Amino acid sequence: MKIFLYLFLSSLILGCNSTKESVGEPKSNLDYANTITVENLKKQLYVYAGDEMEGRMTGTEGQHRAAEYIRDFYIDHKIPSAFGGDNYFQKIPASYFKGRTNNQPSENVLAYIKGSEKPDELIVISAHLDHVGMDKDGNIFNGADDDSSGTVALMEMAQAFQQAVKDGNGPKRSILFLHVTGEEIGLFGSAYYVEHPVFPLKNTVCNLNIDMIGRIDPDKKDNPNYLYLIGSSMLSQELHDVSEQVNDKYIHLDLDYKFDDPDDPNRFYYRSDHYNFAKNNIPVIFYFNGVHEDYHKMTDTPDKIEYDLMAKRTKLIFLTAWELANRDNRIMVDKK
């Protein structure tokens, strides 16, 4: 009887201890999404859009410094490189940047999380790391919204996915966190990636591209709870449907398709890095807050970012990527 009682109490104590150890460990997609915080986004963005980066013009010292900042973030948070080791750079020779004066080499930055069940299938989440640099008088164009907002959102999403990996809840499909250079001068970084893919394009399920998600379109001042989506149904109705379902379930933004038309006079569908994936028949979503009075001006600074709204938008993209990475079947391409 004493032995039985001892065994019973021991198992009870062990059970209690086991429960205690698991308390507070994130388990759901929402738990991981909520690791993306206003504080973290703001902290990273003030550095990335700071004067030290000198406006991040392609091939300049400031742009290389920005790429190194992204790389160091991934190293510090133990988020693997797509190439292995501490090499996160896909180097692009100066000769690739056609039509520019004073061409200089540049680099894309690639971090990677390998899928647990379908590692050959790949979700690409992208943002451009460059901006327009400085004027002849040395005035810096910080590019806080364009595209520091997308850059730091991508970094924070990578950290959230890596936390899931640490907890044994990593994505079933692989995820490539792709920071591309040369967007402002002709989408060169994304073009170079699709011409020199690190992972086969045929295995690339979709591209979620983030370019300006930190501000409010002046036309939306009365309804700032929105995000423009472009391209979501151009190649895959299923991608569009998944995107809508995730938003309806978790985030409740007003998804606005005002610019979702190849014939839109603004031609936004052709003006960011998703387009190079779409040209290769890979389904895309371009996340965009629209242009504003500080677009490509020295006044696009970190103090003007709507950080609460940016965090909400980032969580939507993260949760969409989570669903695409973990659903049973790969989304289908049904349009060409």
C-alpha atoms as a PDB file:
ATOM      1  CA  MET A   1       0.000   0.000   0.000  1.00  0.00           C
ATOM      2  CA  LYS A   2       2.824   2.436   0.888  1.00  0.00           C
ATOM      3  CA  ILE A   3       4.593   1.617  -2.389  1.00  0.00           C
ATOM      4  CA  PHE A   4       1.375   2.202  -4.331  1.00  0.00           C
ATOM      5  CA  LEU A   5       0.787   5.522  -2.576  1.00  0.00           C
ATOM      6  CA  TYR A   6       4.357   6.619  -3.205  1.00  0.00           C
ATOM      7  CA  LEU A   7       4.109   5.789  -6.916  1.00  0.00           C
ATOM      8  CA  PHE A   8       0.763   7.583  -7.179  1.00  0.00           C
ATOM      9  CA  LEU A   9       2.075  10.747  -5.489  1.00  0.00           C
ATOM     10  CA  SER A  10       5.271  10.665  -7.568  1.00  0.00           C
ATOM     11  CA  SER A  11       3.317  10.458 -10.823  1.00  0.00           C
ATOM     12  CA  LEU A  12       1.081  13.294  -9.662  1.00  0.00           C
ATOM     13  CA  ILE A  13       4.072  15.512  -8.840  1.00  0.00           C
ATOM     14  CA  LEU A  14       5.716  14.715 -12.176  1.00  0.00           C
ATOM     15  CA  GLY A  15       2.483  15.513 -13.991  1.00  0.00           C
ATOM     16  CA  CYS A  16       2.206  18.845 -12.217  1.00  0.00           C
ATOM     17  CA  ASN A  17       5.806  19.716 -13.007  1.00  0.00           C
ATOM     18  CA  SER A  18       5.283  18.782 -16.644  1.00  0.00           C
ATOM     19  CA  THR A  19       2.254  21.040 -16.820  1.00  0.00           C
ATOM     20  CA  LYS A  20       4.189  23.898 -15.234  1.00  0.00           C
ATOM     21  CA  GLU A  21       6.999  23.614 -17.755  1.00  0.00           C
ATOM     22  CA  SER A  22       4.615  23.872 -20.691  1.00  0.00           C
ATOM     23  CA  VAL A  23       2.730  26.907 -19.377  1.00  0.00           C
ATOM     24  CA  GLY A  24       3.425  29.986 -21.462  1.00  0.00           C
ATOM     25  CA  GLU A  25       4.925  28.131 -24.423  1.00  0.00           C
ATOM     26  CA  PRO A  26       3.345  29.404 -27.653  1.00  0.00           C
ATOM     27  CA  LYS A  27       1.430  26.644 -29.392  1.00  0.00           C
ATOM     28  CA  SER A  28      -0.912  28.199 -31.932  1.00  0.00           C
ATOM     29  CA  ASN A  29      -0.401  30.310 -35.027  1.00  0.00           C
ATOM     30  CA  LEU A  30      -1.855  33.275 -33.135  1.00  0.00           C
ATOM     31  CA  ASP A  31       0.647  32.817 -30.305  1.00  0.00           C
ATOM     32  CA  TYR A  32       3.472  33.118 -32.793  1.00  0.00           C
ATOM     33  CA  ALA A  33       1.830  36.016 -34.628  1.00  0.00           C
ATOM     34  CA  ASN A  34       1.615  37.863 -31.332  1.00  0.00           C
ATOM     35  CA  THR A  35       5.405  37.717 -30.928  1.00  0.00           C
ATOM     36  CA  ILE A  36       5.366  40.383 -33.671  1.00  0.00           C
ATOM     37  CA  THR A  37       5.028  43.541 -31.606  1.00  0.00           C
ATOM     38  CA  VAL A  38       4.879  47.272 -32.111  1.00  0.00           C
ATOM     39  CA  GLU A  39       7.944  47.667 -29.894  1.00  0.00           C
ATOM     40  CA  ASN A  40      10.080  45.270 -31.926  1.00  0.00           C
ATOM     41  CA  LEU A  41       9.017  46.709 -35.272  1.00  0.00           C
ATOM     42  CA  LYS A  42       9.674  50.252 -34.109  1.00  0.00           C
ATOM     43  CA  LYS A  43      13.062  49.417 -32.640  1.00  0.00           C
ATOM     44  CA  GLN A  44      14.253  47.747 -35.854  1.00  0.00           C
ATOM     45  CA  LEU A  45      12.784  50.371 -38.165  1.00  0.00           C
ATOM     46  CA  TYR A  46      14.414  53.331 -36.416  1.00  0.00           C
ATOM     47  CA  VAL A  47      17.779  51.685 -36.996  1.00  0.00           C
ATOM     48  CA  TYR A  48      17.129  50.441 -40.521  1.00  0.00           C
ATOM     49  CA  ALA A  49      15.727  53.782 -41.717  1.00  0.00           C
ATOM     50  CA  GLY A  50      18.339  55.749 -39.788  1.00  0.00           C
ATOM     51  CA  ASP A  51      20.839  58.168 -41.282  1.00  0.00           C
ATOM     52  CA  GLU A  52      23.648  55.622 -40.889  1.00  0.00           C
ATOM     53  CA  MET A  53      22.214  53.682 -43.866  1.00  0.00           C
ATOM     54  CA  GLU A  54      22.519  56.796 -46.065  1.00  0.00           C
ATOM     55  CA  GLY A  55      19.307  56.071 -47.942  1.00  0.00           C
ATOM     56  CA  ARG A  56      20.400  52.570 -49.043  1.00  0.00           C
ATOM     57  CA  MET A  57      20.954  53.326 -52.747  1.00  0.00           C
ATOM     58  CA  THR A  58      21.905  50.136 -54.584  1.00  0.00           C
ATOM     59  CA  GLY A  59      25.622  49.397 -54.455  1.00  0.00           C
ATOM     60  CA  THR A  60      26.550  52.156 -51.998  1.00  0.00           C
ATOM     61  CA  GLU A  61      28.238  51.758 -48.631  1.00  0.00           C
ATOM     62  CA  GLY A  62      24.949  52.594 -46.925  1.00  0.00           C
ATOM     63  CA  GLN A  63      23.145  49.846 -48.808  1.00  0.00           C
ATOM     64  CA  HIS A  64      25.851  47.297 -47.982  1.00  0.00           C
ATOM     65  CA  ARG A  65      25.620  48.396 -44.345  1.00  0.00           C
ATOM     66  CA  ALA A  66      21.865  47.790 -44.441  1.00  0.00           C
ATOM     67  CA  ALA A  67      22.377  44.306 -45.881  1.00  0.00           C
ATOM     68  CA  GLU A  68      24.876  43.558 -43.122  1.00  0.00           C
ATOM     69  CA  TYR A  69      22.370  44.719 -40.524  1.00  0.00           C
ATOM     70  CA  ILE A  70      19.806  42.241 -41.859  1.00  0.00           C
ATOM     71  CA  ARG A  71      22.396  39.453 -41.946  1.00  0.00           C
ATOM     72  CA  ASP A  72      23.490  40.144 -38.375  1.00  0.00           C
ATOM     73  CA  PHE A  73      19.876  40.046 -37.214  1.00  0.00           C
ATOM     74  CA  TYR A  74      19.480  36.555 -38.669  1.00  0.00           C
ATOM     75  CA  ILE A  75      22.758  35.367 -37.183  1.00  0.00           C
ATOM     76  CA  ASP A  76      21.872  36.776 -33.760  1.00  0.00           C
ATOM     77  CA  HIS A  77      18.471  35.072 -33.797  1.00  0.00           C
ATOM     78  CA  LYS A  78      19.872  31.808 -35.166  1.00  0.00           C
ATOM     79  CA  ILE A  79      17.706  31.910 -38.268  1.00  0.00           C
ATOM     80  CA  PRO A  80      19.590  29.868 -40.879  1.00  0.00           C
ATOM     81  CA  SER A  81      21.026  31.081 -44.152  1.00  0.00           C
ATOM     82  CA  ALA A  82      19.803  29.675 -47.456  1.00  0.00           C
ATOM     83  CA  PHE A  83      23.452  28.930 -48.245  1.00  0.00           C
ATOM     84  CA  GLY A  84      24.542  27.498 -44.904  1.00  0.00           C
ATOM     85  CA  GLY A  85      26.899  28.969 -42.343  1.00  0.00           C
ATOM     86  CA  ASP A  86      27.144  32.732 -41.996  1.00  0.00           C
ATOM     87  CA  ASN A  87      26.869  33.475 -45.707  1.00  0.00           C
ATOM     88  CA  TYR A  88      23.471  35.098 -46.260  1.00  0.00           C
ATOM     89  CA  PHE A  89      24.358  37.078 -49.398  1.00  0.00           C
ATOM     90  CA  GLN A  90      23.422  36.289 -52.972  1.00  0.00           C
ATOM     91  CA  LYS A  91      25.991  38.519 -54.644  1.00  0.00           C
ATOM     92  CA  ILE A  92      25.060  40.383 -57.806  1.00  0.00           C
ATOM     93  CA  PRO A  93      27.823  41.712 -60.085  1.00  0.00           C
ATOM     94  CA  ALA A  94      27.912  45.356 -61.114  1.00  0.00           C
ATOM     95  CA  SER A  95      27.453  44.367 -64.771  1.00  0.00           C
ATOM     96  CA  TYR A  96      23.949  43.084 -63.990  1.00  0.00           C
ATOM     97  CA  PHE A  97      22.609  46.552 -63.182  1.00  0.00           C
ATOM     98  CA  LYS A  98      22.089  47.662 -66.753  1.00  0.00           C
ATOM     99  CA  GLY A  99      21.501  51.286 -67.672  1.00  0.00           C
ATOM    100  CA  ARG A 100      23.005  52.836 -64.506  1.00  0.00           C
ATOM    101  CA  THR A 101      25.950  55.141 -64.165  1.00  0.00           C
ATOM    102  CA  ASN A 102      28.632  54.234 -61.635  1.00  0.00           C
ATOM    103  CA  ASN A 103      27.414  50.654 -61.393  1.00  0.00           C
ATOM    104  CA  GLN A 104      28.503  48.843 -58.243  1.00  0.00           C
ATOM    105  CA  PRO A 105      27.952  45.234 -57.115  1.00  0.00           C
ATOM    106  CA  SER A 106      25.196  44.550 -54.639  1.00  0.00           C
ATOM    107  CA  GLU A 107      23.545  41.652 -52.846  1.00  0.00           C
ATOM    108  CA  ASN A 108      20.268  40.040 -51.913  1.00  0.00           C
ATOM    109  CA  VAL A 109      19.976  38.681 -48.361  1.00  0.00           C
ATOM    110  CA  LEU A 110      18.435  35.220 -47.917  1.00  0.00           C
ATOM    111  CA  ALA A 111      17.357  33.508 -44.694  1.00  0.00           C
ATOM    112  CA  TYR A 112      15.675  30.126 -44.746  1.00  0.00           C
ATOM    113  CA  ILE A 113      13.633  27.781 -42.594  1.00  0.00           C
ATOM    114  CA  LYS A 114      13.439  24.209 -43.830  1.00  0.00           C
ATOM    115  CA  GLY A 115      10.012  22.594 -43.835  1.00  0.00           C
ATOM    116  CA  SER A 116       9.406  19.671 -41.515  1.00  0.00           C
ATOM    117  CA  GLU A 117       7.240  17.561 -43.866  1.00  0.00           C
ATOM    118  CA  LYS A 118       7.359  19.072 -47.375  1.00  0.00           C
ATOM    119  CA  PRO A 119      10.821  20.687 -47.455  1.00  0.00           C
ATOM    120  CA  ASP A 120      11.013  20.799 -51.255  1.00  0.00           C
ATOM    121  CA  GLU A 121       7.963  23.070 -51.464  1.00  0.00           C
ATOM    122  CA  LEU A 122       8.814  26.707 -50.796  1.00  0.00           C
ATOM    123  CA  ILE A 123       6.967  29.838 -49.703  1.00  0.00           C
ATOM    124  CA  VAL A 124       8.905  33.008 -50.588  1.00  0.00           C
ATOM    125  CA  ILE A 125       8.249  36.139 -48.528  1.00  0.00           C
ATOM    126  CA  SER A 126      10.038  39.176 -49.930  1.00  0.00           C
ATOM    127  CA  ALA A 127      10.747  42.862 -49.392  1.00  0.00           C
ATOM    128  CA  HIS A 128      13.267  45.191 -51.005  1.00  0.00           C
ATOM    129  CA  LEU A 129      16.163  46.388 -48.885  1.00  0.00           C
ATOM    130  CA  ASP A 130      17.205  49.386 -50.996  1.00  0.00           C
ATOM    131  CA  HIS A 131      15.917  52.946 -51.322  1.00  0.00           C
ATOM    132  CA  VAL A 132      16.883  56.056 -53.324  1.00  0.00           C
ATOM    133  CA  GLY A 133      19.936  57.208 -51.382  1.00  0.00           C
ATOM    134  CA  MET A 134      20.986  60.844 -51.008  1.00  0.00           C
ATOM    135  CA  ASP A 135      20.762  63.961 -53.139  1.00  0.00           C
ATOM    136  CA  LYS A 136      23.756  65.936 -54.419  1.00  0.00           C
ATOM    137  CA  ASP A 137      23.750  68.022 -51.241  1.00  0.00           C
ATOM    138  CA  GLY A 138      24.024  64.979 -48.999  1.00  0.00           C
ATOM    139  CA  ASN A 139      20.393  65.014 -47.829  1.00  0.00           C
ATOM    140  CA  ILE A 140      19.291  61.506 -46.866  1.00  0.00           C
ATOM    141  CA  PHE A 141      16.133  59.832 -48.115  1.00  0.00           C
ATOM    142  CA  ASN A 142      15.462  57.438 -45.227  1.00  0.00           C
ATOM    143  CA  GLY A 143      12.696  55.399 -46.842  1.00  0.00           C
ATOM    144  CA  ALA A 144      10.982  54.482 -43.586  1.00  0.00           C
ATOM    145  CA  ASP A 145       7.844  53.268 -45.343  1.00  0.00           C
ATOM    146  CA  ASP A 146       9.553  52.454 -48.652  1.00  0.00           C
ATOM    147  CA  ASP A 147      10.651  49.844 -47.822  1.00  0.00           C
ATOM    148  CA  SER A 148      11.999  49.757 -44.294  1.00  0.00           C
ATOM    149  CA  SER A 149       8.475  48.826 -43.239  1.00  0.00           C
ATOM    150  CA  GLY A 150       8.531  45.705 -45.397  1.00  0.00           C
ATOM    151  CA  THR A 151      12.112  44.862 -44.456  1.00  0.00           C
ATOM    152  CA  VAL A 152      11.632  44.853 -40.690  1.00  0.00           C
ATOM    153  CA  ALA A 153       8.229  43.143 -41.043  1.00  0.00           C
ATOM    154  CA  LEU A 154       9.997  40.326 -42.878  1.00  0.00           C
ATOM    155  CA  MET A 155      12.660  40.072 -40.171  1.00  0.00           C
ATOM    156  CA  GLU A 156      10.062  39.907 -37.402  1.00  0.00           C
ATOM    157  CA  MET A 157       8.073  37.230 -39.254  1.00  0.00           C
ATOM    158  CA  ALA A 158      11.229  35.177 -39.641  1.00  0.00           C
ATOM    159  CA  GLN A 159      11.817  35.409 -35.904  1.00  0.00           C
ATOM    160  CA  ALA A 160       8.235  34.281 -35.225  1.00  0.00           C
ATOM    161  CA  PHE A 161       8.621  31.261 -37.513  1.00  0.00           C
ATOM    162  CA  GLN A 162      11.953  30.423 -35.906  1.00  0.00           C
ATOM    163  CA  GLN A 163      10.293  30.461 -32.488  1.00  0.00           C
ATOM    164  CA  ALA A 164       7.806  27.931 -33.818  1.00  0.00           C
ATOM    165  CA  VAL A 165      10.717  25.761 -34.955  1.00  0.00           C
ATOM    166  CA  LYS A 166      12.275  25.948 -31.481  1.00  0.00           C
ATOM    167  CA  ASP A 167       8.968  24.848 -29.976  1.00  0.00           C
ATOM    168  CA  GLY A 168       8.679  21.884 -32.336  1.00  0.00           C
ATOM    169  CA  ASN A 169       5.937  23.558 -34.381  1.00  0.00           C
ATOM    170  CA  GLY A 170       7.932  24.547 -37.438  1.00  0.00           C
ATOM    171  CA  PRO A 171       6.244  24.961 -40.829  1.00  0.00           C
ATOM    172  CA  LYS A 172       5.600  21.898 -42.957  1.00  0.00           C
ATOM    173  CA  ARG A 173       6.814  23.667 -46.096  1.00  0.00           C
ATOM    174  CA  SER A 174      10.055  25.599 -46.332  1.00  0.00           C
ATOM    175  CA  ILE A 175      10.088  29.385 -46.138  1.00  0.00           C
ATOM    176  CA  LEU A 176      12.577  31.704 -47.825  1.00  0.00           C
ATOM    177  CA  PHE A 177      12.893  35.201 -46.364  1.00  0.00           C
ATOM    178  CA  LEU A 178      14.149  37.113 -49.400  1.00  0.00           C
ATOM    179  CA  HIS A 179      15.466  40.670 -49.076  1.00  0.00           C
ATOM    180  CA  VAL A 180      16.122  41.951 -52.581  1.00  0.00           C
ATOM    181  CA  THR A 181      18.261  44.830 -53.759  1.00  0.00           C
ATOM    182  CA  GLY A 182      17.843  47.132 -56.745  1.00  0.00           C
ATOM    183  CA  GLU A 183      14.062  47.442 -56.649  1.00  0.00           C
ATOM    184  CA  GLU A 184      14.054  51.208 -56.975  1.00  0.00           C
ATOM    185  CA  ILE A 185      16.210  51.139 -60.111  1.00  0.00           C
ATOM    186  CA  GLY A 186      14.345  48.391 -61.978  1.00  0.00           C
ATOM    187  CA  LEU A 187      13.467  45.316 -59.849  1.00  0.00           C
ATOM    188  CA  PHE A 188      16.986  43.999 -60.408  1.00  0.00           C
ATOM    189  CA  GLY A 189      17.408  41.965 -57.211  1.00  0.00           C
ATOM    190  CA  SER A 190      14.248  39.909 -57.663  1.00  0.00           C
ATOM    191  CA  ALA A 191      15.019  39.483 -61.367  1.00  0.00           C
ATOM    192  CA  TYR A 192      18.458  38.153 -60.454  1.00  0.00           C
ATOM    193  CA  TYR A 193      16.957  35.722 -57.954  1.00  0.00           C
ATOM    194  CA  VAL A 194      14.475  34.201 -60.425  1.00  0.00           C
ATOM    195  CA  GLU A 195      17.235  33.941 -63.033  1.00  0.00           C
ATOM    196  CA  HIS A 196      19.588  32.349 -60.475  1.00  0.00           C
ATOM    197  CA  PRO A 197      17.170  30.633 -58.070  1.00  0.00           C
ATOM    198  CA  VAL A 198      18.639  29.084 -54.972  1.00  0.00           C
ATOM    199  CA  PHE A 199      15.638  26.743 -54.898  1.00  0.00           C
ATOM    200  CA  PRO A 200      13.864  25.498 -58.057  1.00  0.00           C
ATOM    201  CA  LEU A 201      11.145  27.835 -59.247  1.00  0.00           C
ATOM    202  CA  LYS A 202       8.925  24.850 -60.017  1.00  0.00           C
ATOM    203  CA  ASN A 203       8.885  24.106 -56.270  1.00  0.00           C
ATOM    204  CA  THR A 204       8.021  27.690 -55.317  1.00  0.00           C
ATOM    205  CA  VAL A 205       4.417  27.670 -54.139  1.00  0.00           C
ATOM    206  CA  CYS A 206       3.900  31.436 -54.037  1.00  0.00           C
ATOM    207  CA  ASN A 207       5.492  34.797 -53.319  1.00  0.00           C
ATOM    208  CA  LEU A 208       4.152  37.172 -50.670  1.00  0.00           C
ATOM    209  CA  ASN A 209       5.774  40.545 -51.365  1.00  0.00           C
ATOM    210  CA  ILE A 210       5.744  43.456 -48.912  1.00  0.00           C
ATOM    211  CA  ASP A 211       6.416  46.967 -50.173  1.00  0.00           C
ATOM    212  CA  MET A 212       5.188  49.856 -47.972  1.00  0.00           C
ATOM    213  CA  ILE A 213       2.892  48.771 -45.130  1.00  0.00           C
ATOM    214  CA  GLY A 214       3.567  51.464 -42.531  1.00  0.00           C
ATOM    215  CA  ARG A 215       1.487  54.451 -43.624  1.00  0.00           C
ATOM    216  CA  ILE A 216      -2.038  55.484 -44.597  1.00  0.00           C
ATOM    217  CA  ASP A 217      -3.162  56.516 -48.070  1.00  0.00           C
ATOM    218  CA  PRO A 218      -4.652  60.041 -47.821  1.00  0.00           C
ATOM    219  CA  ASP A 219      -7.801  58.635 -49.448  1.00  0.00           C
ATOM    220  CA  LYS A 220      -8.110  56.240 -46.492  1.00  0.00           C
ATOM    221  CA  LYS A 221      -7.803  58.690 -43.595  1.00  0.00           C
ATOM    222  CA  ASP A 222     -11.417  58.006 -42.610  1.00  0.00           C
ATOM    223  CA  ASN A 223     -10.926  54.217 -42.757  1.00  0.00           C
ATOM    224  CA  PRO A 224      -7.315  53.387 -41.893  1.00  0.00           C
ATOM    225  CA  ASN A 225      -8.039  49.730 -41.066  1.00  0.00           C
ATOM    226  CA  TYR A 226      -7.187  48.609 -44.591  1.00  0.00           C
ATOM    227  CA  LEU A 227      -4.497  47.111 -46.787  1.00  0.00           C
ATOM    228  CA  TYR A 228      -4.261  47.077 -50.575  1.00  0.00           C
ATOM    229  CA  LEU A 229      -3.731  43.620 -52.074  1.00  0.00           C
ATOM    230  CA  ILE A 230      -2.575  43.238 -55.655  1.00  0.00           C
ATOM    231  CA  GLY A 231      -2.277  40.053 -57.712  1.00  0.00           C
ATOM    232  CA  SER A 232      -3.834  37.604 -55.273  1.00  0.00           C
ATOM    233  CA  SER A 233      -6.205  36.096 -57.861  1.00  0.00           C
ATOM    234  CA  MET A 234      -4.176  36.703 -61.024  1.00  0.00           C
ATOM    235  CA  LEU A 235      -2.727  33.184 -61.122  1.00  0.00           C
ATOM    236  CA  SER A 236      -4.474  31.293 -58.329  1.00  0.00           C
ATOM    237  CA  GLN A 237      -8.018  31.759 -57.095  1.00  0.00           C
ATOM    238  CA  GLU A 238      -7.101  29.458 -54.230  1.00  0.00           C
ATOM    239  CA  LEU A 239      -4.416  31.875 -53.041  1.00  0.00           C
ATOM    240  CA  HIS A 240      -6.951  34.691 -53.031  1.00  0.00           C
ATOM    241  CA  ASP A 241      -9.448  32.561 -51.121  1.00  0.00           C
ATOM    242  CA  VAL A 242      -6.890  31.517 -48.494  1.00  0.00           C
ATOM    243  CA  SER A 243      -5.886  35.148 -48.007  1.00  0.00           C
ATOM    244  CA  GLU A 244      -9.495  36.226 -47.490  1.00  0.00           C
ATOM    245  CA  GLN A 245     -10.235  33.351 -45.107  1.00  0.00           C
ATOM    246  CA  VAL A 246      -7.209  34.105 -42.917  1.00  0.00           C
ATOM    247  CA  ASN A 247      -8.130  37.764 -42.699  1.00  0.00           C
ATOM    248  CA  ASP A 248     -11.788  37.015 -41.905  1.00  0.00           C
ATOM    249  CA  LYS A 249     -10.798  34.578 -39.164  1.00  0.00           C
ATOM    250  CA  TYR A 250      -8.049  36.498 -37.406  1.00  0.00           C
ATOM    251  CA  ILE A 251      -7.260  40.097 -38.415  1.00  0.00           C
ATOM    252  CA  HIS A 252     -10.323  41.801 -39.926  1.00  0.00           C
ATOM    253  CA  LEU A 253      -8.594  44.369 -42.076  1.00  0.00           C
ATOM    254  CA  ASP A 254     -10.482  45.874 -45.000  1.00  0.00           C
ATOM    255  CA  LEU A 255      -8.709  44.170 -47.901  1.00  0.00           C
ATOM    256  CA  ASP A 256      -8.949  46.655 -50.748  1.00  0.00           C
ATOM    257  CA  TYR A 257      -8.479  45.538 -54.371  1.00  0.00           C
ATOM    258  CA  LYS A 258      -8.615  49.037 -55.870  1.00  0.00           C
ATOM    259  CA  PHE A 259      -5.299  48.551 -57.693  1.00  0.00           C
ATOM    260  CA  ASP A 260      -5.701  44.830 -58.416  1.00  0.00           C
ATOM    261  CA  ASP A 261      -5.797  45.116 -62.183  1.00  0.00           C
ATOM    262  CA  PRO A 262      -2.981  44.792 -64.739  1.00  0.00           C
ATOM    263  CA  ASP A 263      -4.587  47.689 -66.605  1.00  0.00           C
ATOM    264  CA  ASP A 264      -4.702  50.013 -63.585  1.00  0.00           C
ATOM    265  CA  PRO A 265      -3.182  53.329 -64.723  1.00  0.00           C
ATOM    266  CA  ASN A 266      -0.790  53.305 -61.740  1.00  0.00           C
ATOM    267  CA  ARG A 267       0.575  49.953 -62.945  1.00  0.00           C
ATOM    268  CA  PHE A 268       1.389  48.871 -59.388  1.00  0.00           C
ATOM    269  CA  TYR A 269       1.168  45.213 -60.430  1.00  0.00           C
ATOM    270  CA  TYR A 270       4.326  45.737 -62.492  1.00  0.00           C
ATOM    271  CA  ARG A 271       6.185  47.985 -60.050  1.00  0.00           C
ATOM    272  CA  SER A 272       7.413  45.761 -57.232  1.00  0.00           C
ATOM    273  CA  ASP A 273       9.340  42.532 -56.857  1.00  0.00           C
ATOM    274  CA  HIS A 274       6.403  40.128 -56.927  1.00  0.00           C
ATOM    275  CA  TYR A 275       6.154  40.790 -60.665  1.00  0.00           C
ATOM    276  CA  ASN A 276       9.308  38.811 -61.433  1.00  0.00           C
ATOM    277  CA  PHE A 277       7.736  35.793 -59.725  1.00  0.00           C
ATOM    278  CA  ALA A 278       4.398  36.283 -61.472  1.00  0.00           C
ATOM    279  CA  LYS A 279       6.213  36.362 -64.837  1.00  0.00           C
ATOM    280  CA  ASN A 280       7.406  32.860 -63.975  1.00  0.00           C
ATOM    281  CA  ASN A 281       3.852  31.643 -63.307  1.00  0.00           C
ATOM    282  CA  ILE A 282       4.250  31.727 -59.526  1.00  0.00           C
ATOM    283  CA  PRO A 283       1.167  33.015 -57.640  1.00  0.00           C
ATOM    284  CA  VAL A 284       1.757  36.286 -55.797  1.00  0.00           C
ATOM    285  CA  ILE A 285       0.269  38.730 -53.358  1.00  0.00           C
ATOM    286  CA  PHE A 286       1.630  42.269 -53.203  1.00  0.00           C
ATOM    287  CA  TYR A 287       0.856  43.981 -49.867  1.00  0.00           C
ATOM    288  CA  PHE A 288       0.805  47.773 -50.146  1.00  0.00           C
ATOM    289  CA  ASN A 289      -0.553  50.769 -48.239  1.00  0.00           C
ATOM    290  CA  GLY A 290      -0.602  53.085 -51.280  1.00  0.00           C
ATOM    291  CA  VAL A 291       1.419  56.212 -51.920  1.00  0.00           C
ATOM    292  CA  HIS A 292       1.329  59.249 -49.672  1.00  0.00           C
ATOM    293  CA  GLU A 293       2.706  62.776 -49.455  1.00  0.00           C
ATOM    294  CA  ASP A 294       6.147  61.557 -48.296  1.00  0.00           C
ATOM    295  CA  TYR A 295       6.665  58.927 -51.020  1.00  0.00           C
ATOM    296  CA  HIS A 296      10.272  59.157 -52.300  1.00  0.00           C
ATOM    297  CA  LYS A 297      10.882  62.318 -50.303  1.00  0.00           C
ATOM    298  CA  MET A 298      13.253  63.149 -47.453  1.00  0.00           C
ATOM    299  CA  THR A 299      10.185  63.292 -45.213  1.00  0.00           C
ATOM    300  CA  ASP A 300       9.562  59.516 -45.330  1.00  0.00           C
ATOM    301  CA  THR A 301      10.908  59.135 -41.795  1.00  0.00           C
ATOM    302  CA  PRO A 302      10.352  56.630 -38.926  1.00  0.00           C
ATOM    303  CA  ASP A 303       8.349  59.050 -36.779  1.00  0.00           C
ATOM    304  CA  LYS A 304       5.543  59.032 -39.361  1.00  0.00           C
ATOM    305  CA  ILE A 305       4.986  55.269 -39.360  1.00  0.00           C
ATOM    306  CA  GLU A 306       1.667  53.987 -37.968  1.00  0.00           C
ATOM    307  CA  TYR A 307       3.213  51.213 -35.884  1.00  0.00           C
ATOM    308  CA  ASP A 308      -0.013  49.701 -34.520  1.00  0.00           C
ATOM    309  CA  LEU A 309      -1.409  49.390 -38.018  1.00  0.00           C
ATOM    310  CA  MET A 310       1.895  48.105 -39.364  1.00  0.00           C
ATOM    311  CA  ALA A 311       1.936  45.366 -36.706  1.00  0.00           C
ATOM    312  CA  LYS A 312      -1.604  44.342 -37.628  1.00  0.00           C
ATOM    313  CA  ARG A 313      -0.720  44.158 -41.308  1.00  0.00           C
ATOM    314  CA  THR A 314       2.432  42.177 -40.547  1.00  0.00           C
ATOM    315  CA  LYS A 315       0.439  39.665 -38.528  1.00  0.00           C
ATOM    316  CA  LEU A 316      -1.946  39.173 -41.457  1.00  0.00           C
ATOM    317  CA  ILE A 317       0.954  38.364 -43.774  1.00  0.00           C
ATOM    318  CA  PHE A 318       2.510  36.040 -41.194  1.00  0.00           C
ATOM    319  CA  LEU A 319      -0.753  34.155 -40.650  1.00  0.00           C
ATOM    320  CA  THR A 320      -1.302  33.874 -44.407  1.00  0.00           C
ATOM    321  CA  ALA A 321       2.195  32.447 -44.809  1.00  0.00           C
ATOM    322  CA  TRP A 322       1.558  30.089 -41.900  1.00  0.00           C
ATOM    323  CA  GLU A 323      -1.590  28.746 -43.557  1.00  0.00           C
ATOM    324  CA  LEU A 324       0.096  28.343 -46.941  1.00  0.00           C
ATOM    325  CA  ALA A 325       3.072  26.582 -45.349  1.00  0.00           C
ATOM    326  CA  ASN A 326       0.985  24.170 -43.282  1.00  0.00           C
ATOM    327  CA  ARG A 327      -2.109  23.302 -45.334  1.00  0.00           C
ATOM    328  CA  ASP A 328      -2.330  19.726 -46.616  1.00  0.00           C
ATOM    329  CA  ASN A 329      -2.156  20.519 -50.320  1.00  0.00           C
ATOM    330  CA  ARG A 330      -0.105  23.019 -52.244  1.00  0.00           C
ATOM    331  CA  ILE A 331      -2.217  25.829 -53.687  1.00  0.00           C
ATOM    332  CA  MET A 332      -3.014  25.344 -57.354  1.00  0.00           C
ATOM    333  CA  VAL A 333      -2.161  27.585 -60.299  1.00  0.00           C
ATOM    334  CA  ASP A 334      -5.389  27.838 -62.281  1.00  0.00           C
ATOM    335  CA  LYS A 335      -4.732  30.866 -64.498  1.00  0.00           C
ATOM    336  CA  LYS A 336      -1.973  31.823 -66.893  1.00  0.00           C
END
